[in-house]
């Protein structure tokens, strides 16, 4: 699907390649990718159109047909649903990129399909290192482990400790 994004989607043929029924293929695809094959293809077409809108001076209608949409209305509606603005306004606000392609793909990937609704994922900060005074030394860890092992062995041999005075 990624290579032939401009071609019409034949879910039955793709499902046959995977040796699955059409319905099972769609359910499995949604479980794996979080969207139906049709929506995935639409998103890939919109990603490609974003690149063409930024990097070329071709008309919106030409780009629409080149990426596989069959009507400008469907293209504009789908583009707006995924990106949040029309193709024409996207072109005005986004000029050519000078970053490497892998960074361009990351920065411009529509995130609605992943369920983030326009917010980029927040990367977790790496865990902070503990000051040397708070770090455990290997010998203190060994003592704690030995003590825990001893208590476990005692419980296994003697059973749980009963309260005194009973």
Protein backbone atom coordinates (compact mmCIF):
# COMPACT_ATOMS: atom_id res chain seq x y z
CA UNK A 1 0.00 0.00 0.00
CA UNK A 2 2.84 2.40 0.76
CA UNK A 3 4.44 2.01 -2.66
CA UNK A 4 1.23 2.21 -4.67
CA UNK A 5 -0.61 4.83 -2.61
CA UNK A 6 -1.93 6.51 -5.78
CA UNK A 7 -3.66 3.30 -6.94
CA UNK A 8 -7.20 2.42 -5.88
CA UNK A 9 -7.29 0.21 -2.78
CA UNK A 10 -8.45 -3.36 -3.37
CA UNK A 11 -8.87 -4.71 0.15
CA UNK A 12 -10.03 -8.10 -1.15
CA UNK A 13 -6.79 -8.57 -3.13
CA UNK A 14 -4.60 -7.47 -0.21
CA UNK A 15 -6.51 -9.78 2.14
CA UNK A 16 -6.03 -12.66 -0.32
CA UNK A 17 -2.26 -12.09 -0.29
CA UNK A 18 -2.39 -12.38 3.52
CA UNK A 19 -4.62 -15.49 3.23
CA UNK A 20 -7.39 -13.83 5.27
CA UNK A 21 -10.99 -12.98 4.64
CA UNK A 22 -11.66 -9.34 3.83
CA UNK A 23 -13.42 -8.69 7.16
CA UNK A 24 -10.74 -10.44 9.21
CA UNK A 25 -8.00 -8.55 7.37
CA UNK A 26 -9.66 -5.21 8.15
CA UNK A 27 -10.07 -6.14 11.84
CA UNK A 28 -6.47 -7.34 12.07
CA UNK A 29 -5.16 -4.28 10.26
CA UNK A 30 -7.06 -1.97 12.63
CA UNK A 31 -5.75 -3.86 15.65
CA UNK A 32 -2.16 -3.55 14.39
CA UNK A 33 -2.19 0.00 13.01
CA UNK A 34 -5.05 1.69 14.86
CA UNK A 35 -6.99 2.53 11.70
CA UNK A 36 -8.66 0.80 8.78
CA UNK A 37 -6.71 0.09 5.58
CA UNK A 38 -8.75 2.73 3.76
CA UNK A 39 -7.99 5.42 6.37
CA UNK A 40 -4.31 4.40 6.42
CA UNK A 41 -4.15 4.85 2.64
CA UNK A 42 -5.87 8.23 2.88
CA UNK A 43 -3.33 9.35 5.48
CA UNK A 44 -0.43 8.18 3.29
CA UNK A 45 -1.91 10.12 0.35
CA UNK A 46 -2.25 13.23 2.50
CA UNK A 47 1.37 12.84 3.70
CA UNK A 48 2.54 12.71 0.09
CA UNK A 49 0.36 15.68 -0.86
CA UNK A 50 1.83 17.68 2.03
CA UNK A 51 5.28 17.13 0.56
CA UNK A 52 4.13 18.14 -2.94
CA UNK A 53 2.34 21.23 -1.63
CA UNK A 54 5.48 22.35 0.22
CA UNK A 55 8.09 21.49 -2.38
CA UNK A 56 6.41 22.17 -5.74
CA UNK A 57 4.38 24.87 -7.43
CA UNK A 58 1.91 22.42 -8.95
CA UNK A 59 -1.79 23.16 -8.59
CA UNK A 60 -3.78 21.65 -5.76
CA UNK A 61 -6.03 19.82 -8.22
CA UNK A 62 -3.01 18.22 -9.97
CA UNK A 63 -1.59 17.10 -6.62
CA UNK A 64 -5.01 15.79 -5.63
CA UNK A 65 -5.18 13.46 -8.64
CA UNK A 66 -1.48 12.54 -8.53
CA UNK A 67 -1.71 11.17 -4.98
CA UNK A 68 -4.77 9.06 -5.77
CA UNK A 69 -7.85 11.07 -4.84
CA UNK A 70 -10.57 11.10 -7.46
CA UNK A 71 -12.25 14.37 -6.46
CA UNK A 72 -10.95 17.66 -5.15
CA UNK A 73 -13.80 17.85 -2.63
CA UNK A 74 -12.86 14.50 -1.06
CA UNK A 75 -9.20 15.49 -1.09
CA UNK A 76 -9.84 18.84 0.63
CA UNK A 77 -12.21 17.31 3.21
CA UNK A 78 -9.82 14.46 4.03
CA UNK A 79 -6.83 16.81 4.14
CA UNK A 80 -8.67 19.12 6.55
CA UNK A 81 -9.77 16.21 8.78
CA UNK A 82 -6.22 14.89 9.10
CA UNK A 83 -4.15 18.10 9.07
CA UNK A 84 -6.62 20.63 10.41
CA UNK A 85 -6.43 23.09 7.52
CA UNK A 86 -7.17 23.16 3.81
CA UNK A 87 -4.49 22.23 1.25
CA UNK A 88 -4.30 25.84 0.03
CA UNK A 89 -3.80 27.30 3.50
CA UNK A 90 -1.26 24.57 4.29
CA UNK A 91 0.74 25.58 1.22
CA UNK A 92 0.71 29.27 2.23
CA UNK A 93 1.89 28.52 5.78
CA UNK A 94 4.51 25.88 4.97
CA UNK A 95 7.40 26.49 2.61
CA UNK A 96 10.03 24.01 1.46
CA UNK A 97 11.94 22.21 4.22
CA UNK A 98 15.70 22.15 4.42
CA UNK A 99 15.97 19.36 7.01
CA UNK A 100 16.92 15.78 6.06
CA UNK A 101 14.02 13.72 4.77
CA UNK A 102 13.76 11.52 7.88
CA UNK A 103 13.26 14.62 10.04
CA UNK A 104 10.75 16.02 7.57
CA UNK A 105 8.71 12.83 7.72
CA UNK A 106 8.73 12.85 11.51
CA UNK A 107 7.86 16.52 11.84
CA UNK A 108 5.03 16.49 9.31
CA UNK A 109 3.46 13.12 10.05
CA UNK A 110 -0.24 13.54 10.77
CA UNK A 111 -0.81 12.47 14.35
CA UNK A 112 -4.62 12.30 14.35
CA UNK A 113 -4.50 8.71 13.14
CA UNK A 114 -2.55 7.72 16.22
CA UNK A 115 -5.24 9.18 18.47
CA UNK A 116 -3.28 12.20 19.69
CA UNK A 117 -5.72 14.77 18.26
CA UNK A 118 -3.13 17.31 17.19
CA UNK A 119 -0.85 17.13 20.23
CA UNK A 120 2.60 15.76 19.68
CA UNK A 121 3.71 13.02 22.01
CA UNK A 122 5.69 14.29 24.95
CA UNK A 123 8.93 12.47 25.30
CA UNK A 124 9.73 11.34 28.78
CA UNK A 125 12.76 12.89 30.36
CA UNK A 126 15.50 10.42 31.15
CA UNK A 127 15.69 9.32 34.77
CA UNK A 128 17.79 11.59 36.93
CA UNK A 129 21.02 10.21 38.33
CA UNK A 130 21.19 9.99 42.08
CA UNK A 131 23.90 11.97 43.85
CA UNK A 132 26.87 9.85 44.97
CA UNK A 133 25.80 10.11 48.60
CA UNK A 134 22.46 8.42 47.78
CA UNK A 135 23.82 5.66 45.58
CA UNK A 136 23.95 2.17 47.02
CA UNK A 137 27.31 0.53 47.04
CA UNK A 138 27.60 -3.05 45.79
CA UNK A 139 28.50 -4.27 49.27
CA UNK A 140 25.39 -2.69 50.87
CA UNK A 141 23.21 -4.25 48.16
CA UNK A 142 24.78 -7.64 48.87
CA UNK A 143 24.08 -7.23 52.61
CA UNK A 144 20.42 -6.33 51.92
CA UNK A 145 20.03 -9.33 49.60
CA UNK A 146 21.61 -11.68 52.16
CA UNK A 147 19.33 -10.34 54.90
CA UNK A 148 16.24 -10.74 52.70
CA UNK A 149 17.28 -14.28 51.73
CA UNK A 150 17.78 -15.18 55.39
CA UNK A 151 14.32 -13.88 56.34
CA UNK A 152 12.71 -15.76 53.45
CA UNK A 153 14.46 -19.01 54.42
CA UNK A 154 13.39 -18.55 58.05
CA UNK A 155 9.74 -18.04 57.04
CA UNK A 156 9.82 -21.11 54.84
CA UNK A 157 11.31 -23.25 57.61
CA UNK A 158 9.43 -21.91 60.65
CA UNK A 159 6.26 -20.58 59.06
CA UNK A 160 4.95 -17.03 59.61
CA UNK A 161 5.91 -15.52 62.92
CA UNK A 162 3.16 -15.46 65.50
CA UNK A 163 2.60 -12.54 67.80
CA UNK A 164 4.21 -12.89 71.23
CA UNK A 165 2.08 -13.61 74.22
CA UNK A 166 -0.50 -15.83 72.53
